[in-house]
Amino acid sequence: MRFKNISGLTLIETVIALSLVVVLSTAFAGALATGLKSENQMENRKEAVNFASEIIDNLKIRTGNNENLFSKIIKEKGYSETSARINFSDINNYFSNSISNQSQYTAEISYQEESSDLLELTVEIEWTASGGSYNEKIVTLMAVDLDE
C-alpha cells in the first residue's frame, strides 16, 4: 500500500506555531505596558517641570517698586537673606492666578547666597504616582535686592 503525499499541518507543527504566537504576544504585551507606564511618568515629569518653571517665572516678576517678587517675599516674610527653605503653600497668596492648579504636586523653594545680590534658587517638585514617589528640581540664579 502506498501513501500519497498529503500536504497540511501536523499536530506538532500546529502546537509549535501556537506556542510561538503566545510567546510573541506576551512579549509584545509586556513592551506595550512598559511603554504606557513610561509615557505616563514622562507626562507627570513634564507637568512638574512646567509647574516649577511657572514658579520661577513668577518670582522674577517686577513689583511696583521695581524689585522682583522673590525679594519682596523674603523681606515681608522675614526670611534669612542668605538661605532658607520655603514651602510653596506658605507663599502661594503672593502669586497671581497664572500659576496652574497643580494639586497633585508639592513644591518647595530653597535658596542660598551665591554673592551679595545673587541667590542660587532651587525649586523642587514632589509627587506620587503609580505607587512610586518622584521629584524634579530646577536650579537657577536670581538677582535680588534685599536692601531696605
N, C-alpha and C. Protein backbone atom coordinates (compact mmCIF):
# COMPACT_ATOMS: atom_id res chain seq x y z
N MET A 1 0.84 -1.17 0.00
CA MET A 1 0.00 0.00 0.00
C MET A 1 0.90 1.24 0.00
N ARG A 2 0.61 2.14 -0.86
CA ARG A 2 1.36 3.39 -0.97
C ARG A 2 0.56 4.55 -0.42
N PHE A 3 1.29 5.40 0.37
CA PHE A 3 0.62 6.61 0.88
C PHE A 3 0.89 7.75 -0.07
N LYS A 4 -0.09 8.52 -0.30
CA LYS A 4 0.08 9.69 -1.14
C LYS A 4 0.66 10.82 -0.30
N ASN A 5 1.41 11.71 -0.90
CA ASN A 5 1.98 12.87 -0.22
C ASN A 5 0.84 13.83 0.11
N ILE A 6 0.46 13.86 1.36
CA ILE A 6 -0.65 14.71 1.79
C ILE A 6 -0.05 15.99 2.39
N SER A 7 -0.45 17.13 1.85
CA SER A 7 0.07 18.39 2.39
C SER A 7 -0.87 18.87 3.49
N GLY A 8 -0.30 19.55 4.47
CA GLY A 8 -1.07 20.06 5.59
C GLY A 8 -0.20 20.11 6.83
N LEU A 9 -0.76 20.59 7.93
CA LEU A 9 -0.01 20.74 9.17
C LEU A 9 -0.24 19.53 10.06
N THR A 10 0.83 19.07 10.64
CA THR A 10 0.68 18.02 11.63
C THR A 10 0.36 18.65 12.97
N LEU A 11 -0.01 17.86 13.91
CA LEU A 11 -0.35 18.34 15.24
C LEU A 11 0.86 19.01 15.90
N ILE A 12 2.04 18.46 15.71
CA ILE A 12 3.25 19.02 16.31
C ILE A 12 3.55 20.39 15.71
N GLU A 13 3.42 20.53 14.43
CA GLU A 13 3.66 21.84 13.79
C GLU A 13 2.68 22.88 14.29
N THR A 14 1.42 22.49 14.46
CA THR A 14 0.38 23.41 14.94
C THR A 14 0.69 23.85 16.37
N VAL A 15 1.09 22.94 17.24
CA VAL A 15 1.42 23.28 18.63
C VAL A 15 2.61 24.22 18.68
N ILE A 16 3.62 23.97 17.87
CA ILE A 16 4.80 24.84 17.84
C ILE A 16 4.42 26.23 17.35
N ALA A 17 3.62 26.32 16.31
CA ALA A 17 3.20 27.62 15.78
C ALA A 17 2.38 28.40 16.81
N LEU A 18 1.46 27.73 17.49
CA LEU A 18 0.65 28.40 18.51
C LEU A 18 1.50 28.83 19.70
N SER A 19 2.48 28.01 20.08
CA SER A 19 3.38 28.39 21.19
C SER A 19 4.17 29.63 20.83
N LEU A 20 4.63 29.69 19.59
CA LEU A 20 5.38 30.86 19.13
C LEU A 20 4.51 32.11 19.15
N VAL A 21 3.26 32.00 18.74
CA VAL A 21 2.33 33.14 18.76
C VAL A 21 2.10 33.60 20.20
N VAL A 22 1.94 32.69 21.13
CA VAL A 22 1.71 33.04 22.54
C VAL A 22 2.93 33.76 23.11
N VAL A 23 4.13 33.25 22.85
CA VAL A 23 5.35 33.87 23.37
C VAL A 23 5.51 35.28 22.80
N LEU A 24 5.32 35.44 21.51
CA LEU A 24 5.45 36.77 20.89
C LEU A 24 4.38 37.73 21.40
N SER A 25 3.16 37.25 21.58
CA SER A 25 2.08 38.10 22.10
C SER A 25 2.37 38.57 23.52
N THR A 26 2.89 37.67 24.34
CA THR A 26 3.24 38.02 25.72
C THR A 26 4.34 39.06 25.75
N ALA A 27 5.35 38.89 24.92
CA ALA A 27 6.44 39.87 24.86
C ALA A 27 5.93 41.22 24.38
N PHE A 28 5.08 41.22 23.39
CA PHE A 28 4.52 42.48 22.87
C PHE A 28 3.67 43.17 23.93
N ALA A 29 2.85 42.41 24.66
CA ALA A 29 2.01 43.00 25.71
C ALA A 29 2.86 43.60 26.82
N GLY A 30 3.96 42.93 27.19
CA GLY A 30 4.86 43.46 28.22
C GLY A 30 5.51 44.75 27.76
N ALA A 31 5.95 44.79 26.51
CA ALA A 31 6.58 46.00 25.99
C ALA A 31 5.56 47.14 25.92
N LEU A 32 4.35 46.84 25.55
CA LEU A 32 3.30 47.86 25.48
C LEU A 32 3.00 48.43 26.87
N ALA A 33 2.92 47.56 27.88
CA ALA A 33 2.65 48.02 29.25
C ALA A 33 3.79 48.90 29.76
N THR A 34 5.03 48.51 29.49
CA THR A 34 6.18 49.30 29.91
C THR A 34 6.18 50.66 29.22
N GLY A 35 5.86 50.67 27.94
CA GLY A 35 5.80 51.93 27.19
C GLY A 35 4.74 52.87 27.73
N LEU A 36 3.58 52.35 28.05
CA LEU A 36 2.50 53.19 28.60
C LEU A 36 2.87 53.75 29.97
N LYS A 37 3.52 52.93 30.80
CA LYS A 37 3.95 53.40 32.11
C LYS A 37 5.00 54.52 31.96
N SER A 38 5.95 54.34 31.06
CA SER A 38 6.97 55.36 30.82
C SER A 38 6.35 56.65 30.29
N GLU A 39 5.39 56.52 29.41
CA GLU A 39 4.72 57.70 28.87
C GLU A 39 4.00 58.48 29.97
N ASN A 40 3.35 57.77 30.87
CA ASN A 40 2.65 58.41 31.99
C ASN A 40 3.63 59.11 32.92
N GLN A 41 4.77 58.46 33.22
CA GLN A 41 5.78 59.08 34.07
C GLN A 41 6.37 60.33 33.41
N MET A 42 6.61 60.27 32.13
CA MET A 42 7.17 61.44 31.42
C MET A 42 6.17 62.58 31.38
N GLU A 43 4.89 62.28 31.26
CA GLU A 43 3.87 63.33 31.28
C GLU A 43 3.85 64.02 32.64
N ASN A 44 3.93 63.23 33.73
CA ASN A 44 3.98 63.81 35.07
C ASN A 44 5.23 64.66 35.24
N ARG A 45 6.37 64.18 34.76
CA ARG A 45 7.62 64.95 34.86
C ARG A 45 7.51 66.26 34.09
N LYS A 46 6.93 66.21 32.90
CA LYS A 46 6.78 67.41 32.09
C LYS A 46 5.91 68.44 32.82
N GLU A 47 4.80 67.98 33.41
CA GLU A 47 3.94 68.89 34.16
C GLU A 47 4.66 69.46 35.38
N ALA A 48 5.44 68.64 36.06
CA ALA A 48 6.18 69.11 37.24
C ALA A 48 7.21 70.17 36.85
N VAL A 49 7.93 69.94 35.77
CA VAL A 49 8.92 70.92 35.32
C VAL A 49 8.23 72.22 34.90
N ASN A 50 7.10 72.11 34.22
CA ASN A 50 6.34 73.31 33.84
C ASN A 50 5.87 74.07 35.08
N PHE A 51 5.42 73.35 36.09
CA PHE A 51 4.98 73.98 37.34
C PHE A 51 6.14 74.72 38.00
N ALA A 52 7.31 74.06 38.08
CA ALA A 52 8.49 74.70 38.67
C ALA A 52 8.90 75.93 37.86
N SER A 53 8.83 75.83 36.55
CA SER A 53 9.18 76.97 35.69
C SER A 53 8.22 78.14 35.91
N GLU A 54 6.94 77.83 36.07
CA GLU A 54 5.96 78.89 36.36
C GLU A 54 6.29 79.60 37.67
N ILE A 55 6.67 78.83 38.67
CA ILE A 55 7.02 79.42 39.97
C ILE A 55 8.20 80.37 39.79
N ILE A 56 9.25 79.90 39.12
CA ILE A 56 10.44 80.73 38.93
C ILE A 56 10.10 81.98 38.12
N ASP A 57 9.34 81.82 37.05
CA ASP A 57 8.97 82.97 36.23
C ASP A 57 8.21 84.00 37.04
N ASN A 58 7.30 83.55 37.90
CA ASN A 58 6.54 84.48 38.73
C ASN A 58 7.40 85.14 39.79
N LEU A 59 8.40 84.43 40.30
CA LEU A 59 9.29 85.03 41.30
C LEU A 59 10.14 86.15 40.69
N LYS A 60 10.33 86.11 39.37
CA LYS A 60 11.13 87.13 38.69
C LYS A 60 10.34 88.39 38.34
N ILE A 61 9.02 88.32 38.45
CA ILE A 61 8.17 89.45 38.07
C ILE A 61 8.51 90.67 38.93
N ARG A 62 8.60 91.81 38.29
CA ARG A 62 8.89 93.07 38.99
C ARG A 62 7.63 93.60 39.65
N THR A 63 7.78 94.05 40.88
CA THR A 63 6.66 94.62 41.61
C THR A 63 6.65 96.14 41.43
N GLY A 64 5.75 96.79 42.13
CA GLY A 64 5.58 98.24 41.99
C GLY A 64 6.84 99.05 42.25
N ASN A 65 7.67 98.66 43.20
CA ASN A 65 8.88 99.43 43.50
C ASN A 65 10.11 98.86 42.78
N ASN A 66 9.88 98.16 41.65
CA ASN A 66 10.90 97.67 40.74
C ASN A 66 11.83 96.61 41.37
N GLU A 67 11.35 95.89 42.36
CA GLU A 67 12.09 94.74 42.87
C GLU A 67 11.35 93.50 42.41
N ASN A 68 12.08 92.37 42.29
CA ASN A 68 11.35 91.17 41.87
C ASN A 68 10.52 90.63 43.04
N LEU A 69 9.55 89.83 42.71
CA LEU A 69 8.63 89.30 43.72
C LEU A 69 9.36 88.50 44.79
N PHE A 70 10.42 87.79 44.40
CA PHE A 70 11.16 86.99 45.38
C PHE A 70 11.79 87.87 46.45
N SER A 71 12.36 89.01 46.05
CA SER A 71 12.93 89.95 47.02
C SER A 71 11.85 90.44 47.98
N LYS A 72 10.69 90.74 47.43
CA LYS A 72 9.57 91.21 48.25
C LYS A 72 9.14 90.15 49.26
N ILE A 73 9.05 88.90 48.82
CA ILE A 73 8.64 87.81 49.72
C ILE A 73 9.65 87.65 50.85
N ILE A 74 10.94 87.65 50.52
CA ILE A 74 11.98 87.49 51.54
C ILE A 74 11.88 88.59 52.58
N LYS A 75 11.68 89.82 52.13
CA LYS A 75 11.60 90.95 53.07
C LYS A 75 10.34 90.88 53.92
N GLU A 76 9.18 90.70 53.27
CA GLU A 76 7.92 90.73 54.00
C GLU A 76 7.74 89.55 54.94
N LYS A 77 8.22 88.39 54.56
CA LYS A 77 8.07 87.20 55.40
C LYS A 77 9.19 87.06 56.42
N GLY A 78 10.23 87.90 56.30
CA GLY A 78 11.34 87.87 57.26
C GLY A 78 12.26 86.68 57.11
N TYR A 79 12.36 86.15 55.90
CA TYR A 79 13.29 85.03 55.68
C TYR A 79 14.73 85.54 55.71
N SER A 80 15.65 84.64 55.99
CA SER A 80 17.07 84.98 56.01
C SER A 80 17.51 85.46 54.63
N GLU A 81 18.46 86.38 54.63
CA GLU A 81 18.98 86.89 53.36
C GLU A 81 19.98 85.92 52.73
N THR A 82 20.46 84.94 53.49
CA THR A 82 21.50 84.04 52.95
C THR A 82 20.96 82.68 52.52
N SER A 83 20.00 82.12 53.24
CA SER A 83 19.45 80.83 52.83
C SER A 83 18.17 80.53 53.59
N ALA A 84 17.30 79.77 52.95
CA ALA A 84 16.05 79.34 53.60
C ALA A 84 15.38 78.28 52.73
N ARG A 85 14.45 77.54 53.35
CA ARG A 85 13.59 76.60 52.63
C ARG A 85 12.16 77.08 52.84
N ILE A 86 11.44 77.23 51.75
CA ILE A 86 10.10 77.79 51.80
C ILE A 86 9.13 76.82 51.13
N ASN A 87 8.07 76.45 51.85
CA ASN A 87 7.03 75.63 51.25
C ASN A 87 6.18 76.54 50.36
N PHE A 88 5.91 76.12 49.14
CA PHE A 88 5.16 76.94 48.19
C PHE A 88 3.80 77.35 48.74
N SER A 89 3.15 76.47 49.48
CA SER A 89 1.83 76.80 50.01
C SER A 89 1.88 77.98 51.00
N ASP A 90 3.05 78.23 51.61
CA ASP A 90 3.18 79.36 52.54
C ASP A 90 3.23 80.70 51.82
N ILE A 91 3.59 80.71 50.55
CA ILE A 91 3.71 81.97 49.82
C ILE A 91 2.82 82.02 48.58
N ASN A 92 1.94 81.05 48.44
CA ASN A 92 1.08 80.94 47.27
C ASN A 92 0.23 82.19 47.05
N ASN A 93 -0.15 82.86 48.13
CA ASN A 93 -1.00 84.05 48.01
C ASN A 93 -0.28 85.23 47.34
N TYR A 94 1.03 85.18 47.22
CA TYR A 94 1.78 86.23 46.53
C TYR A 94 1.66 86.11 45.01
N PHE A 95 1.29 84.94 44.54
CA PHE A 95 1.27 84.67 43.11
C PHE A 95 -0.08 85.03 42.51
N SER A 96 -0.02 85.45 41.27
CA SER A 96 -1.25 85.74 40.55
C SER A 96 -1.92 84.41 40.20
N ASN A 97 -3.07 84.48 39.60
CA ASN A 97 -3.78 83.26 39.23
C ASN A 97 -3.13 82.54 38.05
N SER A 98 -2.01 83.05 37.56
CA SER A 98 -1.37 82.41 36.41
C SER A 98 -0.67 81.11 36.77
N ILE A 99 -0.44 80.87 38.07
CA ILE A 99 0.15 79.59 38.47
C ILE A 99 -0.92 78.53 38.33
N SER A 100 -0.59 77.47 37.63
CA SER A 100 -1.54 76.38 37.40
C SER A 100 -1.91 75.73 38.72
N ASN A 101 -3.11 75.22 38.77
CA ASN A 101 -3.53 74.47 39.96
C ASN A 101 -2.95 73.07 39.84
N GLN A 102 -1.87 72.83 40.51
CA GLN A 102 -1.18 71.54 40.45
C GLN A 102 -1.32 70.86 41.80
N SER A 103 -2.53 70.45 42.15
CA SER A 103 -2.78 69.92 43.48
C SER A 103 -2.07 68.59 43.76
N GLN A 104 -1.71 67.85 42.73
CA GLN A 104 -1.03 66.58 42.98
C GLN A 104 0.45 66.76 43.28
N TYR A 105 0.96 67.98 43.13
CA TYR A 105 2.37 68.26 43.35
C TYR A 105 2.56 69.08 44.63
N THR A 106 3.67 68.85 45.32
CA THR A 106 4.07 69.76 46.39
C THR A 106 5.36 70.42 45.93
N ALA A 107 5.48 71.68 46.24
CA ALA A 107 6.65 72.44 45.79
C ALA A 107 7.35 73.04 46.99
N GLU A 108 8.67 73.03 46.93
CA GLU A 108 9.49 73.66 47.96
C GLU A 108 10.55 74.50 47.26
N ILE A 109 10.69 75.70 47.75
CA ILE A 109 11.66 76.63 47.19
C ILE A 109 12.77 76.80 48.22
N SER A 110 13.99 76.63 47.79
CA SER A 110 15.11 76.87 48.69
C SER A 110 16.11 77.76 47.97
N TYR A 111 16.86 78.49 48.77
CA TYR A 111 17.86 79.36 48.18
C TYR A 111 19.04 79.49 49.11
N GLN A 112 20.15 79.84 48.53
CA GLN A 112 21.34 80.15 49.32
C GLN A 112 22.11 81.24 48.59
N GLU A 113 22.79 82.03 49.39
CA GLU A 113 23.51 83.18 48.84
C GLU A 113 24.68 82.72 47.99
N GLU A 114 24.73 83.26 46.78
CA GLU A 114 25.84 82.98 45.87
C GLU A 114 26.84 84.14 45.92
N SER A 115 26.32 85.34 45.96
CA SER A 115 27.12 86.56 46.16
C SER A 115 26.19 87.58 46.81
N SER A 116 26.64 88.82 46.99
CA SER A 116 25.85 89.78 47.76
C SER A 116 24.44 90.03 47.21
N ASP A 117 24.27 90.05 45.91
CA ASP A 117 22.94 90.29 45.33
C ASP A 117 22.48 89.16 44.42
N LEU A 118 23.03 87.96 44.63
CA LEU A 118 22.71 86.83 43.76
C LEU A 118 22.44 85.60 44.62
N LEU A 119 21.28 84.98 44.40
CA LEU A 119 20.91 83.77 45.12
C LEU A 119 20.82 82.60 44.17
N GLU A 120 21.25 81.43 44.64
CA GLU A 120 21.00 80.19 43.90
C GLU A 120 19.65 79.68 44.37
N LEU A 121 18.72 79.62 43.45
CA LEU A 121 17.33 79.28 43.75
C LEU A 121 17.05 77.87 43.23
N THR A 122 16.49 77.03 44.10
CA THR A 122 16.12 75.66 43.72
C THR A 122 14.64 75.49 43.98
N VAL A 123 13.92 75.03 42.96
CA VAL A 123 12.51 74.69 43.12
C VAL A 123 12.41 73.18 42.94
N GLU A 124 11.93 72.51 43.99
CA GLU A 124 11.80 71.05 43.96
C GLU A 124 10.33 70.68 44.01
N ILE A 125 9.92 69.88 43.04
CA ILE A 125 8.54 69.43 42.95
C ILE A 125 8.52 67.95 43.28
N GLU A 126 7.58 67.54 44.14
CA GLU A 126 7.44 66.13 44.50
C GLU A 126 6.01 65.68 44.25
N TRP A 127 5.85 64.40 43.87
CA TRP A 127 4.53 63.83 43.66
C TRP A 127 4.61 62.32 43.74
N THR A 128 3.46 61.69 43.93
CA THR A 128 3.39 60.24 43.92
C THR A 128 2.47 59.82 42.77
N ALA A 129 2.84 58.76 42.11
CA ALA A 129 2.04 58.22 41.01
C ALA A 129 2.39 56.76 40.84
N SER A 130 1.40 55.97 40.55
CA SER A 130 1.59 54.53 40.30
C SER A 130 2.38 53.85 41.41
N GLY A 131 2.12 54.25 42.65
CA GLY A 131 2.76 53.62 43.78
C GLY A 131 4.20 54.04 44.04
N GLY A 132 4.70 55.02 43.28
CA GLY A 132 6.07 55.47 43.48
C GLY A 132 6.13 56.95 43.79
N SER A 133 7.21 57.39 44.42
CA SER A 133 7.43 58.81 44.71
C SER A 133 8.46 59.35 43.73
N TYR A 134 8.20 60.55 43.23
CA TYR A 134 9.07 61.15 42.24
C TYR A 134 9.36 62.59 42.63
N ASN A 135 10.46 63.13 42.10
CA ASN A 135 10.74 64.55 42.31
C ASN A 135 11.56 65.08 41.15
N GLU A 136 11.42 66.34 40.92
CA GLU A 136 12.18 67.07 39.90
C GLU A 136 12.67 68.36 40.53
N LYS A 137 13.87 68.78 40.14
CA LYS A 137 14.44 70.02 40.65
C LYS A 137 14.83 70.91 39.49
N ILE A 138 14.62 72.19 39.68
CA ILE A 138 15.14 73.19 38.76
C ILE A 138 15.99 74.14 39.60
N VAL A 139 17.21 74.39 39.15
CA VAL A 139 18.13 75.27 39.85
C VAL A 139 18.47 76.42 38.92
N THR A 140 18.41 77.64 39.46
CA THR A 140 18.75 78.81 38.67
C THR A 140 19.36 79.86 39.58
N LEU A 141 19.92 80.88 39.01
CA LEU A 141 20.42 82.03 39.78
C LEU A 141 19.44 83.18 39.62
N MET A 142 19.25 83.93 40.70
CA MET A 142 18.34 85.06 40.65
C MET A 142 18.94 86.25 41.36
N ALA A 143 18.89 87.38 40.69
CA ALA A 143 19.36 88.62 41.31
C ALA A 143 18.27 89.12 42.26
N VAL A 144 18.69 89.55 43.42
CA VAL A 144 17.75 90.08 44.42
C VAL A 144 18.26 91.40 44.95
N ASP A 145 17.32 92.20 45.40
CA ASP A 145 17.67 93.47 46.03
C ASP A 145 17.07 93.43 47.43
N LEU A 146 17.89 93.07 48.41
CA LEU A 146 17.40 92.93 49.78
C LEU A 146 17.69 94.13 50.65
N ASP A 147 18.25 95.19 50.08
CA ASP A 147 18.49 96.41 50.84
C ASP A 147 17.18 97.13 51.04
N GLU A 148 16.99 97.65 52.22
CA GLU A 148 15.74 98.37 52.52
C GLU A 148 15.66 99.68 51.81
